[in-house]
Amino acid sequence: MLIVYALGMTAGQLMFKAASANSGSNNGGGLILSLMINGWFIAAAVLYAALTVLWVWILTIVPLSRAYPFVIVSFVLTPLGAALFFDETLTANYVIGMLFILTGLGFLIFKGA
């Protein structure tokens, strides 16, 4: 369920990016109004609401100190999705940094194994 949560967070961030590209306005009031009818924004908001419920359920069975590090997975997947779907650039240093993040997660997951 923790991986599902991280995947959902990634999907939500990519939907927010799509919403920003289709917002039609970048000024305060116009942006808010355009987001209220933007399908990507609405879908992301609904997804985040569902993920909030999922997160609370996860915390009923997994200690926060063990669950929270899995949020890191979305820190890696979101930039990869941005590169894949929005042609954003990932430098070699960025990729190396993501590998360090995943290595750190591995240490946290397998600390007692």
PDB file of N, CA and C in Angstrom:
ATOM      1  N   MET A   1       0.812  -1.197   0.000  1.00  0.00           N
ATOM      2  CA  MET A   1       0.000   0.000   0.000  1.00  0.00           C
ATOM      3  C   MET A   1       0.860   1.269   0.000  1.00  0.00           C
ATOM      4  N   LEU A   2       2.053   1.165   0.606  1.00  0.00           N
ATOM      5  CA  LEU A   2       2.938   2.324   0.624  1.00  0.00           C
ATOM      6  C   LEU A   2       3.422   2.688  -0.781  1.00  0.00           C
ATOM      7  N   ILE A   3       3.680   1.680  -1.590  1.00  0.00           N
ATOM      8  CA  ILE A   3       4.091   1.945  -2.979  1.00  0.00           C
ATOM      9  C   ILE A   3       2.917   2.522  -3.769  1.00  0.00           C
ATOM     10  N   VAL A   4       1.722   2.010  -3.534  1.00  0.00           N
ATOM     11  CA  VAL A   4       0.528   2.560  -4.195  1.00  0.00           C
ATOM     12  C   VAL A   4       0.378   4.037  -3.829  1.00  0.00           C
ATOM     13  N   TYR A   5       0.598   4.348  -2.554  1.00  0.00           N
ATOM     14  CA  TYR A   5       0.529   5.739  -2.112  1.00  0.00           C
ATOM     15  C   TYR A   5       1.558   6.593  -2.868  1.00  0.00           C
ATOM     16  N   ALA A   6       2.783   6.129  -2.946  1.00  0.00           N
ATOM     17  CA  ALA A   6       3.839   6.887  -3.641  1.00  0.00           C
ATOM     18  C   ALA A   6       3.514   7.053  -5.119  1.00  0.00           C
ATOM     19  N   LEU A   7       2.988   6.006  -5.743  1.00  0.00           N
ATOM     20  CA  LEU A   7       2.588   6.102  -7.152  1.00  0.00           C
ATOM     21  C   LEU A   7       1.460   7.114  -7.325  1.00  0.00           C
ATOM     22  N   GLY A   8       0.527   7.111  -6.385  1.00  0.00           N
ATOM     23  CA  GLY A   8      -0.568   8.073  -6.437  1.00  0.00           C
ATOM     24  C   GLY A   8      -0.085   9.501  -6.292  1.00  0.00           C
ATOM     25  N   MET A   9       0.868   9.711  -5.382  1.00  0.00           N
ATOM     26  CA  MET A   9       1.436  11.049  -5.214  1.00  0.00           C
ATOM     27  C   MET A   9       2.115  11.512  -6.503  1.00  0.00           C
ATOM     28  N   THR A  10       2.817  10.599  -7.134  1.00  0.00           N
ATOM     29  CA  THR A  10       3.471  10.921  -8.404  1.00  0.00           C
ATOM     30  C   THR A  10       2.441  11.284  -9.457  1.00  0.00           C
ATOM     31  N   ALA A  11       1.412  10.462  -9.587  1.00  0.00           N
ATOM     32  CA  ALA A  11       0.359  10.727 -10.574  1.00  0.00           C
ATOM     33  C   ALA A  11      -0.292  12.080 -10.304  1.00  0.00           C
ATOM     34  N   GLY A  12      -0.546  12.384  -9.045  1.00  0.00           N
ATOM     35  CA  GLY A  12      -1.157  13.665  -8.700  1.00  0.00           C
ATOM     36  C   GLY A  12      -0.289  14.843  -9.101  1.00  0.00           C
ATOM     37  N   GLN A  13       1.013  14.744  -8.849  1.00  0.00           N
ATOM     38  CA  GLN A  13       1.921  15.828  -9.226  1.00  0.00           C
ATOM     39  C   GLN A  13       1.962  16.013 -10.742  1.00  0.00           C
ATOM     40  N   LEU A  14       1.943  14.904 -11.477  1.00  0.00           N
ATOM     41  CA  LEU A  14       1.946  15.003 -12.937  1.00  0.00           C
ATOM     42  C   LEU A  14       0.632  15.605 -13.439  1.00  0.00           C
ATOM     43  N   MET A  15      -0.481  15.287 -12.769  1.00  0.00           N
ATOM     44  CA  MET A  15      -1.764  15.897 -13.129  1.00  0.00           C
ATOM     45  C   MET A  15      -1.755  17.393 -12.841  1.00  0.00           C
ATOM     46  N   PHE A  16      -1.150  17.787 -11.707  1.00  0.00           N
ATOM     47  CA  PHE A  16      -1.049  19.211 -11.404  1.00  0.00           C
ATOM     48  C   PHE A  16      -0.210  19.933 -12.467  1.00  0.00           C
ATOM     49  N   LYS A  17       0.839  19.292 -12.933  1.00  0.00           N
ATOM     50  CA  LYS A  17       1.664  19.887 -13.998  1.00  0.00           C
ATOM     51  C   LYS A  17       0.845  20.039 -15.277  1.00  0.00           C
ATOM     52  N   ALA A  18       0.075  19.004 -15.608  1.00  0.00           N
ATOM     53  CA  ALA A  18      -0.788  19.082 -16.792  1.00  0.00           C
ATOM     54  C   ALA A  18      -1.829  20.191 -16.617  1.00  0.00           C
ATOM     55  N   ALA A  19      -2.357  20.322 -15.405  1.00  0.00           N
ATOM     56  CA  ALA A  19      -3.323  21.386 -15.131  1.00  0.00           C
ATOM     57  C   ALA A  19      -2.686  22.755 -15.334  1.00  0.00           C
ATOM     58  N   SER A  20      -1.443  22.896 -14.897  1.00  0.00           N
ATOM     59  CA  SER A  20      -0.779  24.197 -15.042  1.00  0.00           C
ATOM     60  C   SER A  20      -0.544  24.530 -16.512  1.00  0.00           C
ATOM     61  N   ALA A  21      -0.270  23.527 -17.313  1.00  0.00           N
ATOM     62  CA  ALA A  21      -0.040  23.751 -18.738  1.00  0.00           C
ATOM     63  C   ALA A  21      -1.342  24.109 -19.457  1.00  0.00           C
ATOM     64  N   ASN A  22      -2.472  23.681 -18.896  1.00  0.00           N
ATOM     65  CA  ASN A  22      -3.772  23.919 -19.528  1.00  0.00           C
ATOM     66  C   ASN A  22      -4.617  24.934 -18.769  1.00  0.00           C
ATOM     67  N   SER A  23      -3.998  25.704 -17.880  1.00  0.00           N
ATOM     68  CA  SER A  23      -4.776  26.614 -17.041  1.00  0.00           C
ATOM     69  C   SER A  23      -5.314  27.816 -17.802  1.00  0.00           C
ATOM     70  N   GLY A  24      -4.652  28.203 -18.863  1.00  0.00           N
ATOM     71  CA  GLY A  24      -5.135  29.304 -19.683  1.00  0.00           C
ATOM     72  C   GLY A  24      -4.884  30.684 -19.123  1.00  0.00           C
ATOM     73  N   SER A  25      -4.410  30.769 -17.885  1.00  0.00           N
ATOM     74  CA  SER A  25      -4.159  32.078 -17.290  1.00  0.00           C
ATOM     75  C   SER A  25      -3.112  31.934 -16.199  1.00  0.00           C
ATOM     76  N   ASN A  26      -2.276  32.924 -16.050  1.00  0.00           N
ATOM     77  CA  ASN A  26      -1.292  32.865 -14.977  1.00  0.00           C
ATOM     78  C   ASN A  26      -1.441  34.011 -13.993  1.00  0.00           C
ATOM     79  N   ASN A  27      -2.550  34.741 -14.071  1.00  0.00           N
ATOM     80  CA  ASN A  27      -2.765  35.775 -13.048  1.00  0.00           C
ATOM     81  C   ASN A  27      -3.657  35.210 -11.948  1.00  0.00           C
ATOM     82  N   GLY A  28      -3.610  35.812 -10.784  1.00  0.00           N
ATOM     83  CA  GLY A  28      -4.270  35.295  -9.587  1.00  0.00           C
ATOM     84  C   GLY A  28      -5.710  34.848  -9.774  1.00  0.00           C
ATOM     85  N   GLY A  29      -6.615  35.771 -10.017  1.00  0.00           N
ATOM     86  CA  GLY A  29      -8.030  35.437 -10.115  1.00  0.00           C
ATOM     87  C   GLY A  29      -8.353  34.563 -11.300  1.00  0.00           C
ATOM     88  N   GLY A  30      -7.778  34.866 -12.457  1.00  0.00           N
ATOM     89  CA  GLY A  30      -8.033  34.066 -13.649  1.00  0.00           C
ATOM     90  C   GLY A  30      -7.527  32.645 -13.506  1.00  0.00           C
ATOM     91  N   LEU A  31      -6.411  32.479 -12.844  1.00  0.00           N
ATOM     92  CA  LEU A  31      -5.856  31.142 -12.641  1.00  0.00           C
ATOM     93  C   LEU A  31      -6.792  30.306 -11.788  1.00  0.00           C
ATOM     94  N   ILE A  32      -7.275  30.865 -10.707  1.00  0.00           N
ATOM     95  CA  ILE A  32      -8.160  30.120  -9.808  1.00  0.00           C
ATOM     96  C   ILE A  32      -9.422  29.694 -10.547  1.00  0.00           C
ATOM     97  N   LEU A  33     -10.005  30.608 -11.290  1.00  0.00           N
ATOM     98  CA  LEU A  33     -11.223  30.270 -12.033  1.00  0.00           C
ATOM     99  C   LEU A  33     -10.962  29.209 -13.090  1.00  0.00           C
ATOM    100  N   SER A  34      -9.843  29.324 -13.782  1.00  0.00           N
ATOM    101  CA  SER A  34      -9.555  28.341 -14.827  1.00  0.00           C
ATOM    102  C   SER A  34      -9.281  26.958 -14.232  1.00  0.00           C
ATOM    103  N   LEU A  35      -8.674  26.916 -13.042  1.00  0.00           N
ATOM    104  CA  LEU A  35      -8.425  25.624 -12.401  1.00  0.00           C
ATOM    105  C   LEU A  35      -9.711  24.965 -11.936  1.00  0.00           C
ATOM    106  N   MET A  36     -10.701  25.747 -11.564  1.00  0.00           N
ATOM    107  CA  MET A  36     -11.957  25.190 -11.074  1.00  0.00           C
ATOM    108  C   MET A  36     -12.693  24.379 -12.142  1.00  0.00           C
ATOM    109  N   ILE A  37     -12.376  24.631 -13.417  1.00  0.00           N
ATOM    110  CA  ILE A  37     -13.015  23.874 -14.503  1.00  0.00           C
ATOM    111  C   ILE A  37     -12.003  23.024 -15.281  1.00  0.00           C
ATOM    112  N   ASN A  38     -10.793  22.935 -14.751  1.00  0.00           N
ATOM    113  CA  ASN A  38      -9.726  22.192 -15.415  1.00  0.00           C
ATOM    114  C   ASN A  38      -9.801  20.723 -14.989  1.00  0.00           C
ATOM    115  N   GLY A  39     -10.024  19.842 -15.938  1.00  0.00           N
ATOM    116  CA  GLY A  39     -10.166  18.415 -15.645  1.00  0.00           C
ATOM    117  C   GLY A  39      -8.962  17.814 -14.940  1.00  0.00           C
ATOM    118  N   TRP A  40      -7.754  18.203 -15.362  1.00  0.00           N
ATOM    119  CA  TRP A  40      -6.543  17.684 -14.718  1.00  0.00           C
ATOM    120  C   TRP A  40      -6.470  18.102 -13.253  1.00  0.00           C
ATOM    121  N   PHE A  41      -6.813  19.357 -12.989  1.00  0.00           N
ATOM    122  CA  PHE A  41      -6.770  19.853 -11.616  1.00  0.00           C
ATOM    123  C   PHE A  41      -7.811  19.148 -10.744  1.00  0.00           C
ATOM    124  N   ILE A  42      -9.015  19.005 -11.268  1.00  0.00           N
ATOM    125  CA  ILE A  42     -10.077  18.336 -10.510  1.00  0.00           C
ATOM    126  C   ILE A  42      -9.687  16.889 -10.225  1.00  0.00           C
ATOM    127  N   ALA A  43      -9.164  16.199 -11.238  1.00  0.00           N
ATOM    128  CA  ALA A  43      -8.747  14.796 -11.047  1.00  0.00           C
ATOM    129  C   ALA A  43      -7.645  14.696 -10.005  1.00  0.00           C
ATOM    130  N   ALA A  44      -6.682  15.610 -10.045  1.00  0.00           N
ATOM    131  CA  ALA A  44      -5.589  15.589  -9.067  1.00  0.00           C
ATOM    132  C   ALA A  44      -6.113  15.856  -7.666  1.00  0.00           C
ATOM    133  N   ALA A  45      -7.031  16.793  -7.527  1.00  0.00           N
ATOM    134  CA  ALA A  45      -7.588  17.108  -6.207  1.00  0.00           C
ATOM    135  C   ALA A  45      -8.366  15.920  -5.649  1.00  0.00           C
ATOM    136  N   VAL A  46      -9.137  15.248  -6.491  1.00  0.00           N
ATOM    137  CA  VAL A  46      -9.878  14.053  -6.054  1.00  0.00           C
ATOM    138  C   VAL A  46      -8.899  12.949  -5.668  1.00  0.00           C
ATOM    139  N   LEU A  47      -7.864  12.758  -6.478  1.00  0.00           N
ATOM    140  CA  LEU A  47      -6.853  11.745  -6.172  1.00  0.00           C
ATOM    141  C   LEU A  47      -6.184  12.054  -4.831  1.00  0.00           C
ATOM    142  N   TYR A  48      -5.812  13.313  -4.605  1.00  0.00           N
ATOM    143  CA  TYR A  48      -5.163  13.665  -3.342  1.00  0.00           C
ATOM    144  C   TYR A  48      -6.092  13.461  -2.149  1.00  0.00           C
ATOM    145  N   ALA A  49      -7.375  13.711  -2.332  1.00  0.00           N
ATOM    146  CA  ALA A  49      -8.333  13.448  -1.250  1.00  0.00           C
ATOM    147  C   ALA A  49      -8.359  11.954  -0.927  1.00  0.00           C
ATOM    148  N   ALA A  50      -8.391  11.130  -1.963  1.00  0.00           N
ATOM    149  CA  ALA A  50      -8.375   9.674  -1.755  1.00  0.00           C
ATOM    150  C   ALA A  50      -7.062   9.224  -1.126  1.00  0.00           C
ATOM    151  N   LEU A  51      -5.962   9.824  -1.555  1.00  0.00           N
ATOM    152  CA  LEU A  51      -4.659   9.468  -0.987  1.00  0.00           C
ATOM    153  C   LEU A  51      -4.556   9.863   0.482  1.00  0.00           C
ATOM    154  N   THR A  52      -5.223  10.930   0.854  1.00  0.00           N
ATOM    155  CA  THR A  52      -5.229  11.328   2.262  1.00  0.00           C
ATOM    156  C   THR A  52      -5.911  10.262   3.112  1.00  0.00           C
ATOM    157  N   VAL A  53      -7.033   9.751   2.620  1.00  0.00           N
ATOM    158  CA  VAL A  53      -7.731   8.677   3.337  1.00  0.00           C
ATOM    159  C   VAL A  53      -6.854   7.430   3.383  1.00  0.00           C
ATOM    160  N   LEU A  54      -6.217   7.092   2.248  1.00  0.00           N
ATOM    161  CA  LEU A  54      -5.322   5.934   2.210  1.00  0.00           C
ATOM    162  C   LEU A  54      -4.183   6.101   3.211  1.00  0.00           C
ATOM    163  N   TRP A  55      -3.602   7.290   3.273  1.00  0.00           N
ATOM    164  CA  TRP A  55      -2.483   7.550   4.183  1.00  0.00           C
ATOM    165  C   TRP A  55      -2.900   7.346   5.636  1.00  0.00           C
ATOM    166  N   VAL A  56      -4.062   7.860   5.992  1.00  0.00           N
ATOM    167  CA  VAL A  56      -4.541   7.685   7.369  1.00  0.00           C
ATOM    168  C   VAL A  56      -4.757   6.201   7.662  1.00  0.00           C
ATOM    169  N   TRP A  57      -5.304   5.472   6.694  1.00  0.00           N
ATOM    170  CA  TRP A  57      -5.497   4.026   6.884  1.00  0.00           C
ATOM    171  C   TRP A  57      -4.144   3.329   7.045  1.00  0.00           C
ATOM    172  N   ILE A  58      -3.184   3.681   6.204  1.00  0.00           N
ATOM    173  CA  ILE A  58      -1.845   3.093   6.309  1.00  0.00           C
ATOM    174  C   ILE A  58      -1.278   3.328   7.709  1.00  0.00           C
ATOM    175  N   LEU A  59      -1.476   4.528   8.240  1.00  0.00           N
ATOM    176  CA  LEU A  59      -0.918   4.859   9.559  1.00  0.00           C
ATOM    177  C   LEU A  59      -1.612   4.121  10.697  1.00  0.00           C
ATOM    178  N   THR A  60      -2.752   3.506  10.426  1.00  0.00           N
ATOM    179  CA  THR A  60      -3.386   2.681  11.462  1.00  0.00           C
ATOM    180  C   THR A  60      -2.682   1.343  11.619  1.00  0.00           C
ATOM    181  N   ILE A  61      -1.891   0.955  10.592  1.00  0.00           N
ATOM    182  CA  ILE A  61      -1.231  -0.354  10.656  1.00  0.00           C
ATOM    183  C   ILE A  61       0.290  -0.283  10.579  1.00  0.00           C
ATOM    184  N   VAL A  62       0.824   0.872  10.179  1.00  0.00           N
ATOM    185  CA  VAL A  62       2.277   1.023  10.035  1.00  0.00           C
ATOM    186  C   VAL A  62       2.703   2.254  10.817  1.00  0.00           C
ATOM    187  N   PRO A  63       3.745   2.154  11.636  1.00  0.00           N
ATOM    188  CA  PRO A  63       4.229   3.345  12.346  1.00  0.00           C
ATOM    189  C   PRO A  63       4.667   4.432  11.355  1.00  0.00           C
ATOM    190  N   LEU A  64       4.415   5.668  11.701  1.00  0.00           N
ATOM    191  CA  LEU A  64       4.784   6.790  10.841  1.00  0.00           C
ATOM    192  C   LEU A  64       6.261   6.766  10.482  1.00  0.00           C
ATOM    193  N   SER A  65       7.101   6.418  11.450  1.00  0.00           N
ATOM    194  CA  SER A  65       8.553   6.396  11.201  1.00  0.00           C
ATOM    195  C   SER A  65       8.938   5.360  10.156  1.00  0.00           C
ATOM    196  N   ARG A  66       8.131   4.332   9.977  1.00  0.00           N
ATOM    197  CA  ARG A  66       8.406   3.312   8.948  1.00  0.00           C
ATOM    198  C   ARG A  66       7.704   3.639   7.630  1.00  0.00           C
ATOM    199  N   ALA A  67       6.553   4.316   7.709  1.00  0.00           N
ATOM    200  CA  ALA A  67       5.772   4.603   6.508  1.00  0.00           C
ATOM    201  C   ALA A  67       6.304   5.810   5.743  1.00  0.00           C
ATOM    202  N   TYR A  68       6.677   6.860   6.472  1.00  0.00           N
ATOM    203  CA  TYR A  68       7.018   8.121   5.820  1.00  0.00           C
ATOM    204  C   TYR A  68       8.176   8.018   4.829  1.00  0.00           C
ATOM    205  N   PRO A  69       9.204   7.232   5.088  1.00  0.00           N
ATOM    206  CA  PRO A  69      10.284   7.155   4.098  1.00  0.00           C
ATOM    207  C   PRO A  69       9.817   6.725   2.700  1.00  0.00           C
ATOM    208  N   PHE A  70       8.690   6.038   2.607  1.00  0.00           N
ATOM    209  CA  PHE A  70       8.206   5.623   1.293  1.00  0.00           C
ATOM    210  C   PHE A  70       7.711   6.799   0.454  1.00  0.00           C
ATOM    211  N   VAL A  71       7.460   7.927   1.096  1.00  0.00           N
ATOM    212  CA  VAL A  71       7.104   9.126   0.348  1.00  0.00           C
ATOM    213  C   VAL A  71       8.258   9.495  -0.586  1.00  0.00           C
ATOM    214  N   ILE A  72       9.476   9.126  -0.197  1.00  0.00           N
ATOM    215  CA  ILE A  72      10.667   9.399  -1.001  1.00  0.00           C
ATOM    216  C   ILE A  72      10.545   8.808  -2.409  1.00  0.00           C
ATOM    217  N   VAL A  73       9.851   7.704  -2.526  1.00  0.00           N
ATOM    218  CA  VAL A  73       9.693   7.073  -3.841  1.00  0.00           C
ATOM    219  C   VAL A  73       9.072   8.063  -4.820  1.00  0.00           C
ATOM    220  N   SER A  74       8.112   8.858  -4.355  1.00  0.00           N
ATOM    221  CA  SER A  74       7.494   9.840  -5.252  1.00  0.00           C
ATOM    222  C   SER A  74       8.480  10.950  -5.629  1.00  0.00           C
ATOM    223  N   PHE A  75       9.486  11.211  -4.771  1.00  0.00           N
ATOM    224  CA  PHE A  75      10.499  12.214  -5.106  1.00  0.00           C
ATOM    225  C   PHE A  75      11.354  11.770  -6.285  1.00  0.00           C
ATOM    226  N   VAL A  76      11.428  10.480  -6.501  1.00  0.00           N
ATOM    227  CA  VAL A  76      12.192   9.933  -7.619  1.00  0.00           C
ATOM    228  C   VAL A  76      11.298   9.755  -8.843  1.00  0.00           C
ATOM    229  N   LEU A  77      10.110   9.212  -8.639  1.00  0.00           N
ATOM    230  CA  LEU A  77       9.223   8.922  -9.767  1.00  0.00           C
ATOM    231  C   LEU A  77       8.655  10.178 -10.418  1.00  0.00           C
ATOM    232  N   THR A  78       8.399  11.215  -9.629  1.00  0.00           N
ATOM    233  CA  THR A  78       7.811  12.427 -10.199  1.00  0.00           C
ATOM    234  C   THR A  78       8.738  13.093 -11.225  1.00  0.00           C
ATOM    235  N   PRO A  79      10.013  13.297 -10.931  1.00  0.00           N
ATOM    236  CA  PRO A  79      10.891  13.857 -11.968  1.00  0.00           C
ATOM    237  C   PRO A  79      11.035  12.944 -13.189  1.00  0.00           C
ATOM    238  N   LEU A  80      11.029  11.633 -12.965  1.00  0.00           N
ATOM    239  CA  LEU A  80      11.088  10.718 -14.108  1.00  0.00           C
ATOM    240  C   LEU A  80       9.849  10.874 -14.984  1.00  0.00           C
ATOM    241  N   GLY A  81       8.686  10.996 -14.347  1.00  0.00           N
ATOM    242  CA  GLY A  81       7.453  11.230 -15.095  1.00  0.00           C
ATOM    243  C   GLY A  81       7.474  12.566 -15.811  1.00  0.00           C
ATOM    244  N   ALA A  82       8.031  13.589 -15.162  1.00  0.00           N
ATOM    245  CA  ALA A  82       8.136  14.906 -15.793  1.00  0.00           C
ATOM    246  C   ALA A  82       9.015  14.846 -17.035  1.00  0.00           C
ATOM    247  N   ALA A  83      10.082  14.078 -16.957  1.00  0.00           N
ATOM    248  CA  ALA A  83      10.954  13.921 -18.122  1.00  0.00           C
ATOM    249  C   ALA A  83      10.239  13.157 -19.234  1.00  0.00           C
ATOM    250  N   LEU A  84       9.511  12.131 -18.857  1.00  0.00           N
ATOM    251  CA  LEU A  84       8.825  11.288 -19.845  1.00  0.00           C
ATOM    252  C   LEU A  84       7.646  12.007 -20.497  1.00  0.00           C
ATOM    253  N   PHE A  85       6.811  12.673 -19.701  1.00  0.00           N
ATOM    254  CA  PHE A  85       5.573  13.244 -20.224  1.00  0.00           C
ATOM    255  C   PHE A  85       5.666  14.721 -20.594  1.00  0.00           C
ATOM    256  N   PHE A  86       6.630  15.448 -20.014  1.00  0.00           N
ATOM    257  CA  PHE A  86       6.697  16.884 -20.252  1.00  0.00           C
ATOM    258  C   PHE A  86       8.043  17.329 -20.823  1.00  0.00           C
ATOM    259  N   ASP A  87       8.865  16.372 -21.221  1.00  0.00           N
ATOM    260  CA  ASP A  87      10.171  16.665 -21.821  1.00  0.00           C
ATOM    261  C   ASP A  87      11.059  17.528 -20.927  1.00  0.00           C
ATOM    262  N   GLU A  88      10.930  17.377 -19.616  1.00  0.00           N
ATOM    263  CA  GLU A  88      11.818  18.088 -18.709  1.00  0.00           C
ATOM    264  C   GLU A  88      13.157  17.360 -18.666  1.00  0.00           C
ATOM    265  N   THR A  89      14.214  18.110 -18.460  1.00  0.00           N
ATOM    266  CA  THR A  89      15.561  17.565 -18.506  1.00  0.00           C
ATOM    267  C   THR A  89      16.002  17.064 -17.132  1.00  0.00           C
ATOM    268  N   LEU A  90      16.572  15.879 -17.120  1.00  0.00           N
ATOM    269  CA  LEU A  90      17.198  15.338 -15.915  1.00  0.00           C
ATOM    270  C   LEU A  90      18.690  15.237 -16.193  1.00  0.00           C
ATOM    271  N   THR A  91      19.476  15.986 -15.455  1.00  0.00           N
ATOM    272  CA  THR A  91      20.923  15.962 -15.648  1.00  0.00           C
ATOM    273  C   THR A  91      21.511  14.715 -14.990  1.00  0.00           C
ATOM    274  N   ALA A  92      22.748  14.433 -15.323  1.00  0.00           N
ATOM    275  CA  ALA A  92      23.438  13.295 -14.709  1.00  0.00           C
ATOM    276  C   ALA A  92      23.510  13.475 -13.197  1.00  0.00           C
ATOM    277  N   ASN A  93      23.793  14.683 -12.738  1.00  0.00           N
ATOM    278  CA  ASN A  93      23.842  14.937 -11.294  1.00  0.00           C
ATOM    279  C   ASN A  93      22.493  14.662 -10.637  1.00  0.00           C
ATOM    280  N   TYR A  94      21.424  15.012 -11.318  1.00  0.00           N
ATOM    281  CA  TYR A  94      20.087  14.772 -10.781  1.00  0.00           C
ATOM    282  C   TYR A  94      19.839  13.275 -10.645  1.00  0.00           C
ATOM    283  N   VAL A  95      20.200  12.529 -11.669  1.00  0.00           N
ATOM    284  CA  VAL A  95      20.022  11.069 -11.632  1.00  0.00           C
ATOM    285  C   VAL A  95      20.866  10.465 -10.517  1.00  0.00           C
ATOM    286  N   ILE A  96      22.086  10.919 -10.373  1.00  0.00           N
ATOM    287  CA  ILE A  96      22.953  10.418  -9.289  1.00  0.00           C
ATOM    288  C   ILE A  96      22.321  10.744  -7.934  1.00  0.00           C
ATOM    289  N   GLY A  97      21.787  11.943  -7.796  1.00  0.00           N
ATOM    290  CA  GLY A  97      21.114  12.319  -6.553  1.00  0.00           C
ATOM    291  C   GLY A  97      19.929  11.415  -6.259  1.00  0.00           C
ATOM    292  N   MET A  98      19.147  11.084  -7.297  1.00  0.00           N
ATOM    293  CA  MET A  98      18.011  10.177  -7.106  1.00  0.00           C
ATOM    294  C   MET A  98      18.483   8.785  -6.682  1.00  0.00           C
ATOM    295  N   LEU A  99      19.599   8.349  -7.216  1.00  0.00           N
ATOM    296  CA  LEU A  99      20.144   7.048  -6.810  1.00  0.00           C
ATOM    297  C   LEU A  99      20.565   7.072  -5.340  1.00  0.00           C
ATOM    298  N   PHE A 100      21.124   8.197  -4.904  1.00  0.00           N
ATOM    299  CA  PHE A 100      21.455   8.334  -3.480  1.00  0.00           C
ATOM    300  C   PHE A 100      20.191   8.275  -2.617  1.00  0.00           C
ATOM    301  N   ILE A 101      19.138   8.939  -3.086  1.00  0.00           N
ATOM    302  CA  ILE A 101      17.874   8.914  -2.354  1.00  0.00           C
ATOM    303  C   ILE A 101      17.369   7.480  -2.219  1.00  0.00           C
ATOM    304  N   LEU A 102      17.372   6.736  -3.320  1.00  0.00           N
ATOM    305  CA  LEU A 102      16.904   5.347  -3.278  1.00  0.00           C
ATOM    306  C   LEU A 102      17.798   4.476  -2.411  1.00  0.00           C
ATOM    307  N   THR A 103      19.097   4.745  -2.441  1.00  0.00           N
ATOM    308  CA  THR A 103      20.021   4.007  -1.568  1.00  0.00           C
ATOM    309  C   THR A 103      19.697   4.277  -0.104  1.00  0.00           C
ATOM    310  N   GLY A 104      19.440   5.538   0.214  1.00  0.00           N
ATOM    311  CA  GLY A 104      19.055   5.889   1.581  1.00  0.00           C
ATOM    312  C   GLY A 104      17.776   5.195   1.992  1.00  0.00           C
ATOM    313  N   LEU A 105      16.806   5.129   1.095  1.00  0.00           N
ATOM    314  CA  LEU A 105      15.565   4.419   1.386  1.00  0.00           C
ATOM    315  C   LEU A 105      15.846   2.947   1.651  1.00  0.00           C
ATOM    316  N   GLY A 106      16.742   2.366   0.863  1.00  0.00           N
ATOM    317  CA  GLY A 106      17.120   0.972   1.085  1.00  0.00           C
ATOM    318  C   GLY A 106      17.690   0.757   2.479  1.00  0.00           C
ATOM    319  N   PHE A 107      18.524   1.685   2.928  1.00  0.00           N
ATOM    320  CA  PHE A 107      19.070   1.578   4.287  1.00  0.00           C
ATOM    321  C   PHE A 107      17.960   1.647   5.329  1.00  0.00           C
ATOM    322  N   LEU A 108      16.989   2.494   5.112  1.00  0.00           N
ATOM    323  CA  LEU A 108      15.893   2.626   6.067  1.00  0.00           C
ATOM    324  C   LEU A 108      15.007   1.389   6.084  1.00  0.00           C
ATOM    325  N   ILE A 109      14.733   0.852   4.911  1.00  0.00           N
ATOM    326  CA  ILE A 109      13.843  -0.313   4.822  1.00  0.00           C
ATOM    327  C   ILE A 109      14.495  -1.547   5.420  1.00  0.00           C
ATOM    328  N   PHE A 110      15.751  -1.752   5.116  1.00  0.00           N
ATOM    329  CA  PHE A 110      16.426  -2.983   5.501  1.00  0.00           C
ATOM    330  C   PHE A 110      17.306  -2.819   6.740  1.00  0.00           C
ATOM    331  N   LYS A 111      17.030  -1.795   7.525  1.00  0.00           N
ATOM    332  CA  LYS A 111      17.887  -1.522   8.687  1.00  0.00           C
ATOM    333  C   LYS A 111      17.914  -2.665   9.692  1.00  0.00           C
ATOM    334  N   GLY A 112      16.834  -3.402   9.803  1.00  0.00           N
ATOM    335  CA  GLY A 112      16.801  -4.470  10.793  1.00  0.00           C
ATOM    336  C   GLY A 112      16.884  -5.852  10.188  1.00  0.00           C
ATOM    337  N   ALA A 113      16.973  -5.931   8.875  1.00  0.00           N
ATOM    338  CA  ALA A 113      16.960  -7.235   8.220  1.00  0.00           C
ATOM    339  C   ALA A 113      18.315  -7.910   8.279  1.00  0.00           C
TER     340      ALA A 113
END
